[in-house]
Amino acid sequence: MRSKLYIKQTGFVEKTVGNEMVVVPLVGTVAQMEKVFSLNEIGSFIYNNLGSKKSTGEITELILNEFEIDRETAQKDVEQFLEKAVANGVIKEL
């Protein structure tokens, strides 16, 4: 079975506020503030690393190299983030 790939969706602007990042969709030049997507530290890290296509396994390895976290927790966090981010249109599955 082939691994799914993910990449950032275009048409969003991101801003870091404290320890969180917010991702806001743009329609033309207008921010759609009612559709803000907030990311914690790990979510921000994943999002920032999706400038190029990455698989779930690649994303998990990046997290394991960056954070003190066990593999099972990292995999669970990645899967949850990807599911929510795809559902909200912030990233896309290829």
PDB file of N, CA and C in Angstrom:
ATOM      1  N   MET A   1       0.838  -1.190   0.000  1.00  0.00           N
ATOM      2  CA  MET A   1       0.000   0.000   0.000  1.00  0.00           C
ATOM      3  C   MET A   1       0.878   1.246   0.000  1.00  0.00           C
ATOM      4  N   ARG A   2       0.556   2.184  -0.851  1.00  0.00           N
ATOM      5  CA  ARG A   2       1.338   3.412  -0.993  1.00  0.00           C
ATOM      6  C   ARG A   2       0.974   4.400   0.110  1.00  0.00           C
ATOM      7  N   SER A   3       1.982   5.042   0.674  1.00  0.00           N
ATOM      8  CA  SER A   3       1.774   6.021   1.734  1.00  0.00           C
ATOM      9  C   SER A   3       1.178   7.303   1.156  1.00  0.00           C
ATOM     10  N   LYS A   4       0.251   7.900   1.883  1.00  0.00           N
ATOM     11  CA  LYS A   4      -0.361   9.165   1.466  1.00  0.00           C
ATOM     12  C   LYS A   4       0.650  10.290   1.651  1.00  0.00           C
ATOM     13  N   LEU A   5       0.553  11.284   0.774  1.00  0.00           N
ATOM     14  CA  LEU A   5       1.399  12.466   0.868  1.00  0.00           C
ATOM     15  C   LEU A   5       0.535  13.671   1.194  1.00  0.00           C
ATOM     16  N   TYR A   6       1.124  14.630   1.900  1.00  0.00           N
ATOM     17  CA  TYR A   6       0.409  15.832   2.307  1.00  0.00           C
ATOM     18  C   TYR A   6       1.251  17.061   1.971  1.00  0.00           C
ATOM     19  N   ILE A   7       0.556  18.175   1.720  1.00  0.00           N
ATOM     20  CA  ILE A   7       1.226  19.445   1.435  1.00  0.00           C
ATOM     21  C   ILE A   7       0.302  20.580   1.870  1.00  0.00           C
ATOM     22  N   LYS A   8       0.882  21.751   2.155  1.00  0.00           N
ATOM     23  CA  LYS A   8       0.084  22.918   2.515  1.00  0.00           C
ATOM     24  C   LYS A   8      -0.849  23.283   1.370  1.00  0.00           C
ATOM     25  N   GLN A   9      -2.014  23.733   1.716  1.00  0.00           N
ATOM     26  CA  GLN A   9      -2.970  24.255   0.754  1.00  0.00           C
ATOM     27  C   GLN A   9      -2.621  25.723   0.498  1.00  0.00           C
ATOM     28  N   THR A  10      -2.809  26.199  -0.704  1.00  0.00           N
ATOM     29  CA  THR A  10      -2.556  27.612  -0.989  1.00  0.00           C
ATOM     30  C   THR A  10      -3.773  28.441  -0.584  1.00  0.00           C
ATOM     31  N   GLY A  11      -3.592  29.750  -0.515  1.00  0.00           N
ATOM     32  CA  GLY A  11      -4.698  30.642  -0.203  1.00  0.00           C
ATOM     33  C   GLY A  11      -4.894  30.892   1.281  1.00  0.00           C
ATOM     34  N   PHE A  12      -3.825  30.704   2.059  1.00  0.00           N
ATOM     35  CA  PHE A  12      -3.888  30.935   3.497  1.00  0.00           C
ATOM     36  C   PHE A  12      -2.760  31.869   3.912  1.00  0.00           C
ATOM     37  N   VAL A  13      -2.994  32.595   4.971  1.00  0.00           N
ATOM     38  CA  VAL A  13      -1.952  33.402   5.586  1.00  0.00           C
ATOM     39  C   VAL A  13      -1.788  32.876   7.005  1.00  0.00           C
ATOM     40  N   GLU A  14      -0.534  32.825   7.471  1.00  0.00           N
ATOM     41  CA  GLU A  14      -0.304  32.337   8.825  1.00  0.00           C
ATOM     42  C   GLU A  14       0.406  33.396   9.656  1.00  0.00           C
ATOM     43  N   LYS A  15       0.106  33.374  10.948  1.00  0.00           N
ATOM     44  CA  LYS A  15       0.689  34.334  11.878  1.00  0.00           C
ATOM     45  C   LYS A  15       0.916  33.638  13.207  1.00  0.00           C
ATOM     46  N   THR A  16       2.098  33.837  13.791  1.00  0.00           N
ATOM     47  CA  THR A  16       2.396  33.271  15.100  1.00  0.00           C
ATOM     48  C   THR A  16       1.990  34.279  16.169  1.00  0.00           C
ATOM     49  N   VAL A  17       1.218  33.794  17.144  1.00  0.00           N
ATOM     50  CA  VAL A  17       0.751  34.615  18.252  1.00  0.00           C
ATOM     51  C   VAL A  17       1.100  33.859  19.531  1.00  0.00           C
ATOM     52  N   GLY A  18       2.109  34.334  20.242  1.00  0.00           N
ATOM     53  CA  GLY A  18       2.578  33.629  21.434  1.00  0.00           C
ATOM     54  C   GLY A  18       3.156  32.286  21.033  1.00  0.00           C
ATOM     55  N   ASN A  19       2.669  31.210  21.637  1.00  0.00           N
ATOM     56  CA  ASN A  19       3.140  29.860  21.324  1.00  0.00           C
ATOM     57  C   ASN A  19       2.288  29.165  20.270  1.00  0.00           C
ATOM     58  N   GLU A  20       1.317  29.870  19.729  1.00  0.00           N
ATOM     59  CA  GLU A  20       0.424  29.269  18.738  1.00  0.00           C
ATOM     60  C   GLU A  20       0.547  29.977  17.394  1.00  0.00           C
ATOM     61  N   MET A  21       0.210  29.239  16.371  1.00  0.00           N
ATOM     62  CA  MET A  21       0.137  29.802  15.033  1.00  0.00           C
ATOM     63  C   MET A  21      -1.333  29.776  14.627  1.00  0.00           C
ATOM     64  N   VAL A  22      -1.773  30.821  13.962  1.00  0.00           N
ATOM     65  CA  VAL A  22      -3.117  30.814  13.395  1.00  0.00           C
ATOM     66  C   VAL A  22      -2.983  30.847  11.877  1.00  0.00           C
ATOM     67  N   VAL A  23      -3.825  30.067  11.228  1.00  0.00           N
ATOM     68  CA  VAL A  23      -3.841  29.970   9.776  1.00  0.00           C
ATOM     69  C   VAL A  23      -5.222  30.441   9.346  1.00  0.00           C
ATOM     70  N   VAL A  24      -5.244  31.458   8.469  1.00  0.00           N
ATOM     71  CA  VAL A  24      -6.501  32.086   8.065  1.00  0.00           C
ATOM     72  C   VAL A  24      -6.640  32.011   6.550  1.00  0.00           C
ATOM     73  N   PRO A  25      -7.785  31.522   6.062  1.00  0.00           N
ATOM     74  CA  PRO A  25      -7.993  31.487   4.617  1.00  0.00           C
ATOM     75  C   PRO A  25      -8.239  32.888   4.065  1.00  0.00           C
ATOM     76  N   LEU A  26      -7.781  33.106   2.850  1.00  0.00           N
ATOM     77  CA  LEU A  26      -8.005  34.372   2.162  1.00  0.00           C
ATOM     78  C   LEU A  26      -8.924  34.144   0.972  1.00  0.00           C
ATOM     79  N   VAL A  27      -9.852  35.067   0.792  1.00  0.00           N
ATOM     80  CA  VAL A  27     -10.667  35.087  -0.423  1.00  0.00           C
ATOM     81  C   VAL A  27     -10.339  36.418  -1.076  1.00  0.00           C
ATOM     82  N   GLY A  28      -9.590  36.338  -2.174  1.00  0.00           N
ATOM     83  CA  GLY A  28      -9.038  37.562  -2.760  1.00  0.00           C
ATOM     84  C   GLY A  28      -8.006  38.101  -1.803  1.00  0.00           C
ATOM     85  N   THR A  29      -8.256  39.297  -1.292  1.00  0.00           N
ATOM     86  CA  THR A  29      -7.335  39.883  -0.309  1.00  0.00           C
ATOM     87  C   THR A  29      -7.989  40.000   1.067  1.00  0.00           C
ATOM     88  N   VAL A  30      -9.131  39.352   1.241  1.00  0.00           N
ATOM     89  CA  VAL A  30      -9.877  39.459   2.495  1.00  0.00           C
ATOM     90  C   VAL A  30      -9.709  38.186   3.331  1.00  0.00           C
ATOM     91  N   ALA A  31      -9.261  38.356   4.562  1.00  0.00           N
ATOM     92  CA  ALA A  31      -9.109  37.231   5.483  1.00  0.00           C
ATOM     93  C   ALA A  31     -10.484  36.789   5.971  1.00  0.00           C
ATOM     94  N   GLN A  32     -10.705  35.492   5.997  1.00  0.00           N
ATOM     95  CA  GLN A  32     -11.959  34.916   6.474  1.00  0.00           C
ATOM     96  C   GLN A  32     -11.791  34.559   7.953  1.00  0.00           C
ATOM     97  N   MET A  33     -11.937  35.552   8.824  1.00  0.00           N
ATOM     98  CA  MET A  33     -11.626  35.404  10.236  1.00  0.00           C
ATOM     99  C   MET A  33     -12.525  34.387  10.958  1.00  0.00           C
ATOM    100  N   GLU A  34     -13.690  34.088  10.408  1.00  0.00           N
ATOM    101  CA  GLU A  34     -14.560  33.096  11.040  1.00  0.00           C
ATOM    102  C   GLU A  34     -14.070  31.674  10.804  1.00  0.00           C
ATOM    103  N   LYS A  35     -13.045  31.517   9.960  1.00  0.00           N
ATOM    104  CA  LYS A  35     -12.514  30.185   9.650  1.00  0.00           C
ATOM    105  C   LYS A  35     -11.060  30.023  10.085  1.00  0.00           C
ATOM    106  N   VAL A  36     -10.678  30.686  11.163  1.00  0.00           N
ATOM    107  CA  VAL A  36      -9.307  30.621  11.687  1.00  0.00           C
ATOM    108  C   VAL A  36      -9.025  29.209  12.192  1.00  0.00           C
ATOM    109  N   PHE A  37      -7.839  28.699  11.861  1.00  0.00           N
ATOM    110  CA  PHE A  37      -7.388  27.378  12.307  1.00  0.00           C
ATOM    111  C   PHE A  37      -6.190  27.602  13.212  1.00  0.00           C
ATOM    112  N   SER A  38      -6.297  27.238  14.499  1.00  0.00           N
ATOM    113  CA  SER A  38      -5.221  27.446  15.476  1.00  0.00           C
ATOM    114  C   SER A  38      -4.355  26.200  15.593  1.00  0.00           C
ATOM    115  N   LEU A  39      -3.040  26.408  15.678  1.00  0.00           N
ATOM    116  CA  LEU A  39      -2.091  25.301  15.777  1.00  0.00           C
ATOM    117  C   LEU A  39      -1.236  25.455  17.022  1.00  0.00           C
ATOM    118  N   ASN A  40      -1.067  24.359  17.756  1.00  0.00           N
ATOM    119  CA  ASN A  40      -0.151  24.382  18.892  1.00  0.00           C
ATOM    120  C   ASN A  40       1.282  24.215  18.368  1.00  0.00           C
ATOM    121  N   GLU A  41       2.226  24.017  19.260  1.00  0.00           N
ATOM    122  CA  GLU A  41       3.639  23.943  18.866  1.00  0.00           C
ATOM    123  C   GLU A  41       3.917  22.809  17.869  1.00  0.00           C
ATOM    124  N   ILE A  42       3.382  21.631  18.133  1.00  0.00           N
ATOM    125  CA  ILE A  42       3.619  20.504  17.220  1.00  0.00           C
ATOM    126  C   ILE A  42       2.859  20.718  15.914  1.00  0.00           C
ATOM    127  N   GLY A  43       1.632  21.210  15.990  1.00  0.00           N
ATOM    128  CA  GLY A  43       0.866  21.500  14.777  1.00  0.00           C
ATOM    129  C   GLY A  43       1.577  22.530  13.909  1.00  0.00           C
ATOM    130  N   SER A  44       2.118  23.572  14.536  1.00  0.00           N
ATOM    131  CA  SER A  44       2.876  24.593  13.800  1.00  0.00           C
ATOM    132  C   SER A  44       4.106  23.980  13.133  1.00  0.00           C
ATOM    133  N   PHE A  45       4.791  23.110  13.867  1.00  0.00           N
ATOM    134  CA  PHE A  45       5.977  22.444  13.323  1.00  0.00           C
ATOM    135  C   PHE A  45       5.607  21.609  12.101  1.00  0.00           C
ATOM    136  N   ILE A  46       4.534  20.835  12.209  1.00  0.00           N
ATOM    137  CA  ILE A  46       4.092  20.018  11.076  1.00  0.00           C
ATOM    138  C   ILE A  46       3.739  20.924   9.897  1.00  0.00           C
ATOM    139  N   TYR A  47       2.923  21.925  10.139  1.00  0.00           N
ATOM    140  CA  TYR A  47       2.477  22.831   9.079  1.00  0.00           C
ATOM    141  C   TYR A  47       3.675  23.480   8.382  1.00  0.00           C
ATOM    142  N   ASN A  48       4.637  23.958   9.160  1.00  0.00           N
ATOM    143  CA  ASN A  48       5.820  24.614   8.583  1.00  0.00           C
ATOM    144  C   ASN A  48       6.669  23.662   7.745  1.00  0.00           C
ATOM    145  N   ASN A  49       6.579  22.377   8.029  1.00  0.00           N
ATOM    146  CA  ASN A  49       7.364  21.401   7.275  1.00  0.00           C
ATOM    147  C   ASN A  49       6.623  20.821   6.077  1.00  0.00           C
ATOM    148  N   LEU A  50       5.446  21.327   5.797  1.00  0.00           N
ATOM    149  CA  LEU A  50       4.685  20.837   4.651  1.00  0.00           C
ATOM    150  C   LEU A  50       4.785  21.777   3.450  1.00  0.00           C
ATOM    151  N   GLY A  51       5.904  22.487   3.343  1.00  0.00           N
ATOM    152  CA  GLY A  51       6.159  23.303   2.166  1.00  0.00           C
ATOM    153  C   GLY A  51       6.424  22.431   0.948  1.00  0.00           C
ATOM    154  N   SER A  52       6.829  21.206   1.195  1.00  0.00           N
ATOM    155  CA  SER A  52       6.989  20.206   0.132  1.00  0.00           C
ATOM    156  C   SER A  52       6.241  18.955   0.578  1.00  0.00           C
ATOM    157  N   LYS A  53       5.967  18.075  -0.360  1.00  0.00           N
ATOM    158  CA  LYS A  53       5.196  16.860  -0.073  1.00  0.00           C
ATOM    159  C   LYS A  53       5.898  16.008   0.981  1.00  0.00           C
ATOM    160  N   LYS A  54       5.116  15.558   1.958  1.00  0.00           N
ATOM    161  CA  LYS A  54       5.645  14.684   3.010  1.00  0.00           C
ATOM    162  C   LYS A  54       4.624  13.593   3.297  1.00  0.00           C
ATOM    163  N   SER A  55       5.131  12.404   3.629  1.00  0.00           N
ATOM    164  CA  SER A  55       4.272  11.300   4.042  1.00  0.00           C
ATOM    165  C   SER A  55       4.072  11.364   5.552  1.00  0.00           C
ATOM    166  N   THR A  56       3.111  10.615   6.039  1.00  0.00           N
ATOM    167  CA  THR A  56       2.871  10.528   7.476  1.00  0.00           C
ATOM    168  C   THR A  56       4.135  10.056   8.197  1.00  0.00           C
ATOM    169  N   GLY A  57       4.813   9.068   7.627  1.00  0.00           N
ATOM    170  CA  GLY A  57       6.049   8.557   8.226  1.00  0.00           C
ATOM    171  C   GLY A  57       7.148   9.601   8.279  1.00  0.00           C
ATOM    172  N   GLU A  58       7.292  10.384   7.206  1.00  0.00           N
ATOM    173  CA  GLU A  58       8.312  11.445   7.191  1.00  0.00           C
ATOM    174  C   GLU A  58       8.010  12.506   8.239  1.00  0.00           C
ATOM    175  N   ILE A  59       6.747  12.871   8.355  1.00  0.00           N
ATOM    176  CA  ILE A  59       6.355  13.880   9.346  1.00  0.00           C
ATOM    177  C   ILE A  59       6.623  13.358  10.759  1.00  0.00           C
ATOM    178  N   THR A  60       6.290  12.101  11.010  1.00  0.00           N
ATOM    179  CA  THR A  60       6.525  11.494  12.319  1.00  0.00           C
ATOM    180  C   THR A  60       8.018  11.516  12.655  1.00  0.00           C
ATOM    181  N   GLU A  61       8.860  11.168  11.690  1.00  0.00           N
ATOM    182  CA  GLU A  61      10.316  11.173  11.928  1.00  0.00           C
ATOM    183  C   GLU A  61      10.820  12.582  12.239  1.00  0.00           C
ATOM    184  N   LEU A  62      10.297  13.589  11.553  1.00  0.00           N
ATOM    185  CA  LEU A  62      10.691  14.968  11.835  1.00  0.00           C
ATOM    186  C   LEU A  62      10.349  15.343  13.278  1.00  0.00           C
ATOM    187  N   ILE A  63       9.165  14.949  13.715  1.00  0.00           N
ATOM    188  CA  ILE A  63       8.742  15.242  15.094  1.00  0.00           C
ATOM    189  C   ILE A  63       9.630  14.519  16.101  1.00  0.00           C
ATOM    190  N   LEU A  64       9.935  13.260  15.836  1.00  0.00           N
ATOM    191  CA  LEU A  64      10.798  12.497  16.752  1.00  0.00           C
ATOM    192  C   LEU A  64      12.181  13.121  16.866  1.00  0.00           C
ATOM    193  N   ASN A  65      12.675  13.721  15.782  1.00  0.00           N
ATOM    194  CA  ASN A  65      13.990  14.370  15.806  1.00  0.00           C
ATOM    195  C   ASN A  65      13.964  15.730  16.482  1.00  0.00           C
ATOM    196  N   GLU A  66      12.796  16.362  16.542  1.00  0.00           N
ATOM    197  CA  GLU A  66      12.684  17.718  17.075  1.00  0.00           C
ATOM    198  C   GLU A  66      12.206  17.775  18.527  1.00  0.00           C
ATOM    199  N   PHE A  67      11.334  16.850  18.910  1.00  0.00           N
ATOM    200  CA  PHE A  67      10.707  16.889  20.227  1.00  0.00           C
ATOM    201  C   PHE A  67      11.035  15.629  21.029  1.00  0.00           C
ATOM    202  N   GLU A  68      10.996  15.751  22.335  1.00  0.00           N
ATOM    203  CA  GLU A  68      11.182  14.595  23.209  1.00  0.00           C
ATOM    204  C   GLU A  68       9.821  13.947  23.383  1.00  0.00           C
ATOM    205  N   ILE A  69       9.522  12.998  22.507  1.00  0.00           N
ATOM    206  CA  ILE A  69       8.212  12.364  22.463  1.00  0.00           C
ATOM    207  C   ILE A  69       8.408  10.935  21.967  1.00  0.00           C
ATOM    208  N   ASP A  70       7.582  10.016  22.437  1.00  0.00           N
ATOM    209  CA  ASP A  70       7.723   8.635  21.983  1.00  0.00           C
ATOM    210  C   ASP A  70       7.014   8.453  20.634  1.00  0.00           C
ATOM    211  N   ARG A  71       7.392   7.412  19.913  1.00  0.00           N
ATOM    212  CA  ARG A  71       6.886   7.165  18.558  1.00  0.00           C
ATOM    213  C   ARG A  71       5.361   7.031  18.525  1.00  0.00           C
ATOM    214  N   GLU A  72       4.804   6.295  19.458  1.00  0.00           N
ATOM    215  CA  GLU A  72       3.355   6.077  19.472  1.00  0.00           C
ATOM    216  C   GLU A  72       2.592   7.402  19.611  1.00  0.00           C
ATOM    217  N   THR A  73       3.040   8.249  20.534  1.00  0.00           N
ATOM    218  CA  THR A  73       2.399   9.553  20.739  1.00  0.00           C
ATOM    219  C   THR A  73       2.573  10.430  19.504  1.00  0.00           C
ATOM    220  N   ALA A  74       3.773  10.418  18.922  1.00  0.00           N
ATOM    221  CA  ALA A  74       4.040  11.215  17.719  1.00  0.00           C
ATOM    222  C   ALA A  74       3.124  10.783  16.580  1.00  0.00           C
ATOM    223  N   GLN A  75       3.001   9.490  16.361  1.00  0.00           N
ATOM    224  CA  GLN A  75       2.141   8.989  15.281  1.00  0.00           C
ATOM    225  C   GLN A  75       0.689   9.392  15.501  1.00  0.00           C
ATOM    226  N   LYS A  76       0.231   9.273  16.738  1.00  0.00           N
ATOM    227  CA  LYS A  76      -1.143   9.650  17.067  1.00  0.00           C
ATOM    228  C   LYS A  76      -1.356  11.145  16.825  1.00  0.00           C
ATOM    229  N   ASP A  77      -0.415  11.981  17.287  1.00  0.00           N
ATOM    230  CA  ASP A  77      -0.515  13.425  17.090  1.00  0.00           C
ATOM    231  C   ASP A  77      -0.538  13.783  15.608  1.00  0.00           C
ATOM    232  N   VAL A  78       0.331  13.149  14.821  1.00  0.00           N
ATOM    233  CA  VAL A  78       0.393  13.414  13.382  1.00  0.00           C
ATOM    234  C   VAL A  78      -0.932  13.044  12.722  1.00  0.00           C
ATOM    235  N   GLU A  79      -1.445  11.872  13.024  1.00  0.00           N
ATOM    236  CA  GLU A  79      -2.700  11.423  12.414  1.00  0.00           C
ATOM    237  C   GLU A  79      -3.855  12.356  12.765  1.00  0.00           C
ATOM    238  N   GLN A  80      -3.939  12.769  14.031  1.00  0.00           N
ATOM    239  CA  GLN A  80      -5.007  13.671  14.456  1.00  0.00           C
ATOM    240  C   GLN A  80      -4.880  15.026  13.764  1.00  0.00           C
ATOM    241  N   PHE A  81      -3.650  15.547  13.707  1.00  0.00           N
ATOM    242  CA  PHE A  81      -3.447  16.837  13.056  1.00  0.00           C
ATOM    243  C   PHE A  81      -3.834  16.774  11.581  1.00  0.00           C
ATOM    244  N   LEU A  82      -3.337  15.752  10.884  1.00  0.00           N
ATOM    245  CA  LEU A  82      -3.616  15.637   9.452  1.00  0.00           C
ATOM    246  C   LEU A  82      -5.112  15.514   9.181  1.00  0.00           C
ATOM    247  N   GLU A  83      -5.791  14.731   9.992  1.00  0.00           N
ATOM    248  CA  GLU A  83      -7.237  14.557   9.823  1.00  0.00           C
ATOM    249  C   GLU A  83      -7.965  15.893   9.957  1.00  0.00           C
ATOM    250  N   LYS A  84      -7.651  16.653  11.007  1.00  0.00           N
ATOM    251  CA  LYS A  84      -8.300  17.948  11.228  1.00  0.00           C
ATOM    252  C   LYS A  84      -7.914  18.969  10.168  1.00  0.00           C
ATOM    253  N   ALA A  85      -6.630  19.016   9.826  1.00  0.00           N
ATOM    254  CA  ALA A  85      -6.153  20.005   8.859  1.00  0.00           C
ATOM    255  C   ALA A  85      -6.734  19.748   7.468  1.00  0.00           C
ATOM    256  N   VAL A  86      -6.843  18.486   7.067  1.00  0.00           N
ATOM    257  CA  VAL A  86      -7.452  18.154   5.772  1.00  0.00           C
ATOM    258  C   VAL A  86      -8.934  18.519   5.804  1.00  0.00           C
ATOM    259  N   ALA A  87      -9.627  18.178   6.885  1.00  0.00           N
ATOM    260  CA  ALA A  87     -11.063  18.483   7.015  1.00  0.00           C
ATOM    261  C   ALA A  87     -11.339  19.974   6.951  1.00  0.00           C
ATOM    262  N   ASN A  88     -10.389  20.784   7.444  1.00  0.00           N
ATOM    263  CA  ASN A  88     -10.536  22.236   7.440  1.00  0.00           C
ATOM    264  C   ASN A  88      -9.940  22.890   6.195  1.00  0.00           C
ATOM    265  N   GLY A  89      -9.379  22.081   5.308  1.00  0.00           N
ATOM    266  CA  GLY A  89      -8.846  22.604   4.045  1.00  0.00           C
ATOM    267  C   GLY A  89      -7.518  23.321   4.152  1.00  0.00           C
ATOM    268  N   VAL A  90      -6.841  23.184   5.295  1.00  0.00           N
ATOM    269  CA  VAL A  90      -5.559  23.863   5.514  1.00  0.00           C
ATOM    270  C   VAL A  90      -4.424  23.147   4.773  1.00  0.00           C
ATOM    271  N   ILE A  91      -4.489  21.822   4.728  1.00  0.00           N
ATOM    272  CA  ILE A  91      -3.536  21.043   3.945  1.00  0.00           C
ATOM    273  C   ILE A  91      -4.330  20.125   3.034  1.00  0.00           C
ATOM    274  N   LYS A  92      -3.652  19.577   2.052  1.00  0.00           N
ATOM    275  CA  LYS A  92      -4.351  18.633   1.180  1.00  0.00           C
ATOM    276  C   LYS A  92      -3.594  17.327   1.087  1.00  0.00           C
ATOM    277  N   GLU A  93      -4.385  16.282   0.905  1.00  0.00           N
ATOM    278  CA  GLU A  93      -3.854  14.948   0.741  1.00  0.00           C
ATOM    279  C   GLU A  93      -3.678  14.704  -0.757  1.00  0.00           C
ATOM    280  N   LEU A  94      -2.515  14.209  -1.116  1.00  0.00           N
ATOM    281  CA  LEU A  94      -2.237  13.957  -2.547  1.00  0.00           C
ATOM    282  C   LEU A  94      -2.422  12.500  -2.882  1.00  0.00           C
TER     283      LEU A  94
END
